[in-house]
């Protein structure tokens, strides 16, 4: 995959590229029972964490922070985990790169507050023999404000890079289960796989200089609430072009997904918010998962140097779409 990604960037034959260069190893380091750090060679890449931000106690949800893009540039907002000069301090529930939803059996797991619901880390899974050391696998419990477990999930995050460190990324595979009784995902724009970007990549706000484009060629405010295979934000960071793309796998529920893509710096893939996004009557975006059943979402996050070229991004998406061909197809 890495060879193909870089070949698309610089126009080299993938087989030649593999012979010439090898990407630095990505490895996962255990920090404690609720945290794993990811290194690219000896340099920091990311941290998967399950703790509450400073000033909070019980409002926990797993998140990836910090997250460093090519050449070690931070790609997400620091707040609420860290105070960074120039960072907007709105929406404390928007935690770097995370997965949650605003209506699961009527419970809001998106806008978390102390004393309310939480997505609680249960344990990390050990990698199987033969697995690469570039993956974090964790299990979590979705607990309502009364302490009842209404859902569980398994998250598998694979971290990768290209040989020249012009591209980094995460393949996210999240499987949600309904352990006891049906699970209803409500029709709301508040969700679901979220990325809160550094302020320079946003379209408005202090220091904002970013642009946004989706797979259908829409730009700017026109991308909000629309369905697309991928979405990308990009702009100058310290004088150099930098960006990220979120990609929806074709076997995901209701692909291509809707995008809760805001000008202030939030980008989120949301397959449930049809009423809010399209202004249609009723709640057609609701989805019910039967008791004992599971629903899997696969996404790819690409952090890249350079402009968000449509052809290049389409190529990356096609490469991602070709993965997982042996998996069962979900209902649309």
Protein backbone atom coordinates (compact mmCIF):
# COMPACT_ATOMS: atom_id res chain seq x y z
CA UNK A 1 0.00 0.00 0.00
CA UNK A 2 2.74 2.45 0.93
CA UNK A 3 4.56 1.89 -2.33
CA UNK A 4 1.41 2.58 -4.30
CA UNK A 5 0.66 5.72 -2.32
CA UNK A 6 4.06 7.23 -2.91
CA UNK A 7 4.10 6.10 -6.53
CA UNK A 8 0.88 8.03 -7.06
CA UNK A 9 2.58 11.06 -5.54
CA UNK A 10 5.82 11.11 -7.49
CA UNK A 11 4.97 9.06 -10.57
CA UNK A 12 7.25 6.10 -9.86
CA UNK A 13 6.62 2.46 -10.60
CA UNK A 14 5.59 0.75 -7.31
CA UNK A 15 7.88 -2.25 -7.89
CA UNK A 16 10.86 0.05 -8.49
CA UNK A 17 10.01 2.04 -5.40
CA UNK A 18 10.02 -1.04 -3.18
CA UNK A 19 13.52 -1.88 -4.40
CA UNK A 20 14.83 1.61 -3.73
CA UNK A 21 13.35 2.59 -0.38
CA UNK A 22 11.80 1.07 2.72
CA UNK A 23 9.54 2.92 5.11
CA UNK A 24 10.78 3.32 8.69
CA UNK A 25 9.19 0.74 10.98
CA UNK A 26 5.99 1.68 12.78
CA UNK A 27 5.74 0.16 16.23
CA UNK A 28 3.32 0.31 19.13
CA UNK A 29 4.60 0.82 22.67
CA UNK A 30 2.58 -0.02 25.80
CA UNK A 31 2.48 2.97 28.18
CA UNK A 32 -0.16 1.76 30.64
CA UNK A 33 -3.41 -0.25 30.71
CA UNK A 34 -5.27 2.51 28.85
CA UNK A 35 -2.68 3.98 26.51
CA UNK A 36 -0.53 2.93 23.60
CA UNK A 37 2.03 5.17 21.90
CA UNK A 38 2.89 4.75 18.23
CA UNK A 39 6.39 5.48 16.93
CA UNK A 40 7.69 5.92 13.39
CA UNK A 41 11.25 4.74 13.77
CA UNK A 42 12.19 6.56 16.97
CA UNK A 43 9.91 9.55 16.33
CA UNK A 44 6.44 10.08 17.85
CA UNK A 45 3.54 9.32 15.50
CA UNK A 46 0.42 9.07 17.70
CA UNK A 47 -1.07 8.04 21.03
CA UNK A 48 -4.22 5.98 21.46
CA UNK A 49 -5.62 7.06 24.80
CA UNK A 50 -8.70 6.38 26.93
CA UNK A 51 -8.35 8.98 29.67
CA UNK A 52 -10.46 12.05 30.38
CA UNK A 53 -9.05 15.45 29.34
CA UNK A 54 -7.74 17.81 32.04
CA UNK A 55 -10.59 19.20 34.13
CA UNK A 56 -12.83 16.19 33.48
CA UNK A 57 -13.10 12.96 35.46
CA UNK A 58 -15.62 10.51 33.99
CA UNK A 59 -16.34 11.91 30.49
CA UNK A 60 -14.08 9.40 28.76
CA UNK A 61 -14.02 8.20 25.17
CA UNK A 62 -11.09 6.65 23.30
CA UNK A 63 -9.21 9.09 21.07
CA UNK A 64 -5.99 9.41 19.11
CA UNK A 65 -4.00 12.36 20.44
CA UNK A 66 -1.45 13.61 19.71
CA UNK A 67 -1.40 12.73 16.03
CA UNK A 68 1.59 13.79 13.94
CA UNK A 69 1.56 14.01 10.16
CA UNK A 70 4.47 14.07 7.70
CA UNK A 71 7.75 15.32 9.18
CA UNK A 72 6.22 15.29 12.65
CA UNK A 73 3.73 18.15 12.21
CA UNK A 74 0.75 17.98 14.58
CA UNK A 75 -2.46 17.51 12.57
CA UNK A 76 -5.23 17.97 15.13
CA UNK A 77 -6.32 20.61 17.59
CA UNK A 78 -4.68 20.30 21.01
CA UNK A 79 -7.74 21.21 23.09
CA UNK A 80 -9.13 19.66 25.27
CA UNK A 81 -6.10 17.43 25.97
CA UNK A 82 -3.49 20.18 25.67
CA UNK A 83 -3.41 23.98 25.68
CA UNK A 84 -1.86 25.29 22.48
CA UNK A 85 -1.56 28.98 21.59
CA UNK A 86 -4.12 29.88 18.94
CA UNK A 87 -6.26 26.79 19.46
CA UNK A 88 -10.01 27.43 19.58
CA UNK A 89 -11.51 26.12 22.81
CA UNK A 90 -15.02 25.32 21.64
CA UNK A 91 -16.70 21.88 21.58
CA UNK A 92 -14.58 20.07 24.21
CA UNK A 93 -16.15 16.78 23.14
CA UNK A 94 -14.38 17.00 19.76
CA UNK A 95 -11.25 15.10 20.70
CA UNK A 96 -8.71 14.97 17.89
CA UNK A 97 -9.59 11.70 16.08
CA UNK A 98 -12.37 9.66 17.68
CA UNK A 99 -15.56 7.62 17.13
CA UNK A 100 -18.92 8.18 18.86
CA UNK A 101 -22.55 9.03 18.07
CA UNK A 102 -25.07 11.48 19.46
CA UNK A 103 -28.05 9.12 19.74
CA UNK A 104 -27.61 5.44 20.59
CA UNK A 105 -30.82 4.15 22.16
CA UNK A 106 -31.52 7.77 23.02
CA UNK A 107 -28.16 8.26 24.77
CA UNK A 108 -25.79 11.02 23.63
CA UNK A 109 -22.29 9.57 23.39
CA UNK A 110 -21.07 12.49 21.23
CA UNK A 111 -21.31 15.43 23.64
CA UNK A 112 -19.86 13.82 26.76
CA UNK A 113 -19.96 15.48 30.17
CA UNK A 114 -18.90 14.35 33.64
CA UNK A 115 -21.57 12.28 35.37
CA UNK A 116 -23.16 11.20 32.10
CA UNK A 117 -22.59 8.46 29.54
CA UNK A 118 -19.10 7.42 28.51
CA UNK A 119 -17.27 5.04 26.19
CA UNK A 120 -15.09 3.14 28.64
CA UNK A 121 -11.88 1.33 27.74
CA UNK A 122 -12.00 -2.33 28.74
CA UNK A 123 -8.72 -3.80 27.53
CA UNK A 124 -6.18 -4.00 24.75
CA UNK A 125 -5.95 -7.19 22.74
CA UNK A 126 -2.60 -8.84 22.21
CA UNK A 127 -1.54 -9.14 18.58
CA UNK A 128 -1.70 -12.62 17.13
CA UNK A 129 1.41 -14.46 15.99
CA UNK A 130 2.46 -13.11 12.61
CA UNK A 131 0.65 -9.77 13.01
CA UNK A 132 2.65 -6.61 12.34
CA UNK A 133 3.52 -4.44 15.31
CA UNK A 134 1.87 -1.37 13.75
CA UNK A 135 -1.66 -1.97 15.06
CA UNK A 136 -3.63 -1.07 18.19
CA UNK A 137 -6.60 -3.30 19.02
CA UNK A 138 -8.88 -2.26 21.88
CA UNK A 139 -12.27 -3.23 23.31
CA UNK A 140 -14.66 -0.70 24.85
CA UNK A 141 -18.03 -0.52 26.60
CA UNK A 142 -20.68 2.12 25.81
CA UNK A 143 -22.13 2.92 29.25
CA UNK A 144 -25.18 5.13 29.81
CA UNK A 145 -25.59 7.58 32.68
CA UNK A 146 -27.08 4.86 34.89
CA UNK A 147 -24.12 2.53 34.46
CA UNK A 148 -25.78 0.17 31.98
CA UNK A 149 -23.74 -1.24 29.10
CA UNK A 150 -25.83 -0.72 25.97
CA UNK A 151 -23.15 -1.46 23.37
CA UNK A 152 -19.61 -2.77 23.02
CA UNK A 153 -17.01 -2.20 20.34
CA UNK A 154 -13.73 -3.52 19.04
CA UNK A 155 -11.37 -0.99 17.45
CA UNK A 156 -8.45 -1.92 15.25
CA UNK A 157 -6.20 0.95 14.16
CA UNK A 158 -3.31 0.25 11.81
CA UNK A 159 -0.72 3.03 11.44
CA UNK A 160 1.40 3.44 8.31
CA UNK A 161 3.82 5.76 6.52
CA UNK A 162 5.58 6.05 3.18
CA UNK A 163 9.39 5.79 2.82
CA UNK A 164 10.01 9.54 2.56
CA UNK A 165 7.56 10.53 5.28
CA UNK A 166 5.44 12.60 2.89
CA UNK A 167 2.38 10.55 3.83
CA UNK A 168 1.13 8.95 7.03
CA UNK A 169 -2.17 7.34 7.81
CA UNK A 170 -4.48 5.18 9.89
CA UNK A 171 -6.74 2.36 8.76
CA UNK A 172 -9.63 2.26 11.23
CA UNK A 173 -11.87 -0.82 11.58
CA UNK A 174 -14.53 -0.46 14.27
CA UNK A 175 -17.11 -3.17 15.03
CA UNK A 176 -20.05 -2.27 17.26
CA UNK A 177 -22.12 -5.00 18.91
CA UNK A 178 -25.56 -5.04 20.51
CA UNK A 179 -24.89 -7.29 23.55
CA UNK A 180 -28.39 -7.35 25.05
CA UNK A 181 -31.35 -5.99 23.16
CA UNK A 182 -31.54 -4.06 19.92
CA UNK A 183 -29.36 -1.04 19.33
CA UNK A 184 -30.89 2.00 17.61
CA UNK A 185 -28.65 4.62 16.04
CA UNK A 186 -30.67 7.82 15.86
CA UNK A 187 -30.90 10.19 12.92
CA UNK A 188 -28.74 13.12 14.05
CA UNK A 189 -25.90 15.10 12.54
CA UNK A 190 -23.94 14.72 15.79
CA UNK A 191 -21.52 11.93 14.85
CA UNK A 192 -19.76 9.71 14.06
CA UNK A 193 -16.09 9.19 13.02
CA UNK A 194 -14.68 12.62 13.84
CA UNK A 195 -11.50 14.57 13.11
CA UNK A 196 -10.92 17.98 14.71
CA UNK A 197 -8.16 19.55 12.66
CA UNK A 198 -5.48 22.08 13.59
CA UNK A 199 -6.85 25.63 13.10
CA UNK A 200 -4.77 26.48 10.00
CA UNK A 201 -6.61 23.82 7.98
CA UNK A 202 -10.07 25.13 8.87
CA UNK A 203 -11.99 27.50 6.60
CA UNK A 204 -12.68 30.13 9.24
CA UNK A 205 -11.40 31.18 12.63
CA UNK A 206 -8.12 32.44 14.06
CA UNK A 207 -5.28 31.49 11.69
CA UNK A 208 -7.55 29.61 9.29
CA UNK A 209 -6.26 29.33 5.71
CA UNK A 210 -7.66 25.99 4.62
CA UNK A 211 -9.74 24.67 1.77
CA UNK A 212 -11.97 21.59 1.51
CA UNK A 213 -12.91 19.36 -1.41
CA UNK A 214 -14.84 16.09 -1.69
CA UNK A 215 -14.78 13.18 -4.14
CA UNK A 216 -17.59 14.72 -6.20
CA UNK A 217 -15.66 17.96 -6.77
CA UNK A 218 -17.65 20.10 -4.35
CA UNK A 219 -15.72 22.75 -2.44
CA UNK A 220 -16.18 24.98 0.57
CA UNK A 221 -19.51 25.11 2.38
CA UNK A 222 -21.10 22.97 -0.35
CA UNK A 223 -19.54 19.80 1.10
CA UNK A 224 -21.56 19.90 4.34
CA UNK A 225 -24.25 17.25 4.59
CA UNK A 226 -23.44 15.75 1.20
CA UNK A 227 -22.58 12.16 0.33
CA UNK A 228 -19.07 11.46 -0.93
CA UNK A 229 -16.47 8.71 -1.01
CA UNK A 230 -13.88 10.94 0.61
CA UNK A 231 -13.34 14.44 1.89
CA UNK A 232 -10.08 16.38 2.20
CA UNK A 233 -8.96 19.59 3.92
CA UNK A 234 -5.66 21.22 3.02
CA UNK A 235 -3.77 24.47 3.42
CA UNK A 236 -0.45 26.09 4.35
CA UNK A 237 1.06 25.16 7.71
CA UNK A 238 4.25 27.06 8.52
CA UNK A 239 4.48 27.98 4.84
CA UNK A 240 4.23 24.39 3.52
CA UNK A 241 1.17 22.70 1.98
CA UNK A 242 -0.33 20.04 4.23
CA UNK A 243 -3.64 18.21 4.37
CA UNK A 244 -5.67 15.21 5.41
CA UNK A 245 -8.33 13.04 3.81
CA UNK A 246 -11.00 10.85 5.39
CA UNK A 247 -12.18 7.94 3.24
CA UNK A 248 -15.33 5.82 3.46
CA UNK A 249 -15.06 2.14 2.52
CA UNK A 250 -17.56 0.91 -0.12
CA UNK A 251 -18.72 -1.90 2.17
CA UNK A 252 -19.71 0.52 4.92
CA UNK A 253 -23.34 1.05 5.79
CA UNK A 254 -24.97 3.50 3.31
CA UNK A 255 -21.81 4.20 1.35
CA UNK A 256 -21.07 6.84 0.22
CA UNK A 257 -21.57 8.37 3.62
CA UNK A 258 -22.80 11.85 4.52
CA UNK A 259 -20.21 14.31 5.84
CA UNK A 260 -20.66 16.52 8.88
CA UNK A 261 -17.92 18.79 7.54
CA UNK A 262 -17.86 22.18 9.22
CA UNK A 263 -15.95 25.32 8.28
CA UNK A 264 -14.62 25.83 11.83
CA UNK A 265 -12.56 22.62 11.78
CA UNK A 266 -14.66 19.48 12.26
CA UNK A 267 -14.82 16.72 9.65
CA UNK A 268 -16.95 13.67 10.48
CA UNK A 269 -18.29 10.69 8.53
CA UNK A 270 -21.91 10.13 9.56
CA UNK A 271 -24.16 7.48 7.91
CA UNK A 272 -27.11 8.21 10.22
CA UNK A 273 -27.86 11.96 9.93
CA UNK A 274 -30.03 12.02 6.80
CA UNK A 275 -32.81 14.15 8.32
CA UNK A 276 -30.42 16.91 9.40
CA UNK A 277 -28.29 16.77 6.27
CA UNK A 278 -31.02 16.62 3.64
CA UNK A 279 -33.92 18.27 5.48
CA UNK A 280 -36.24 15.34 4.78
CA UNK A 281 -39.27 14.46 6.89
CA UNK A 282 -39.10 11.87 9.62
CA UNK A 283 -35.96 10.05 10.72
CA UNK A 284 -34.94 8.01 7.68
CA UNK A 285 -31.34 7.82 8.84
CA UNK A 286 -32.14 5.68 11.88
CA UNK A 287 -30.61 2.22 11.89
CA UNK A 288 -31.50 -0.67 14.18
CA UNK A 289 -28.97 -3.35 15.01
CA UNK A 290 -30.64 -6.52 16.27
CA UNK A 291 -29.68 -8.02 19.62
CA UNK A 292 -26.47 -10.01 19.30
CA UNK A 293 -25.65 -8.55 15.88
CA UNK A 294 -22.61 -6.49 14.86
CA UNK A 295 -21.94 -3.59 12.49
CA UNK A 296 -18.47 -2.83 11.13
CA UNK A 297 -17.17 0.50 9.84
CA UNK A 298 -13.92 0.85 7.92
CA UNK A 299 -12.29 4.19 7.21
CA UNK A 300 -8.89 5.41 6.14
CA UNK A 301 -7.29 8.64 7.35
CA UNK A 302 -4.48 9.95 5.14
CA UNK A 303 -2.18 12.75 6.32
CA UNK A 304 -0.23 14.16 3.39
CA UNK A 305 2.14 16.83 2.15
CA UNK A 306 1.12 18.87 -0.89
CA UNK A 307 -2.16 19.99 -2.41
CA UNK A 308 -5.39 17.95 -2.38
CA UNK A 309 -5.23 16.84 -6.00
CA UNK A 310 -8.48 15.13 -7.03
CA UNK A 311 -6.84 12.45 -9.17
CA UNK A 312 -4.31 11.56 -6.50
CA UNK A 313 -6.99 11.29 -3.82
CA UNK A 314 -9.22 9.20 -6.08
CA UNK A 315 -6.31 6.83 -6.55
CA UNK A 316 -5.76 6.51 -2.82
CA UNK A 317 -9.47 5.83 -2.32
CA UNK A 318 -9.54 3.13 -5.02
CA UNK A 319 -6.61 1.45 -3.32
CA UNK A 320 -8.44 1.55 0.01
CA UNK A 321 -11.68 0.33 -1.59
CA UNK A 322 -9.90 -2.78 -2.86
CA UNK A 323 -9.09 -3.92 0.68
CA UNK A 324 -11.38 -6.24 2.63
CA UNK A 325 -12.97 -7.83 -0.44
CA UNK A 326 -13.54 -11.07 1.48
CA UNK A 327 -15.80 -9.45 4.09
CA UNK A 328 -19.56 -9.87 4.11
CA UNK A 329 -21.47 -6.93 2.69
CA UNK A 330 -23.68 -4.95 5.06
CA UNK A 331 -27.20 -3.77 4.38
CA UNK A 332 -27.48 -0.44 2.62
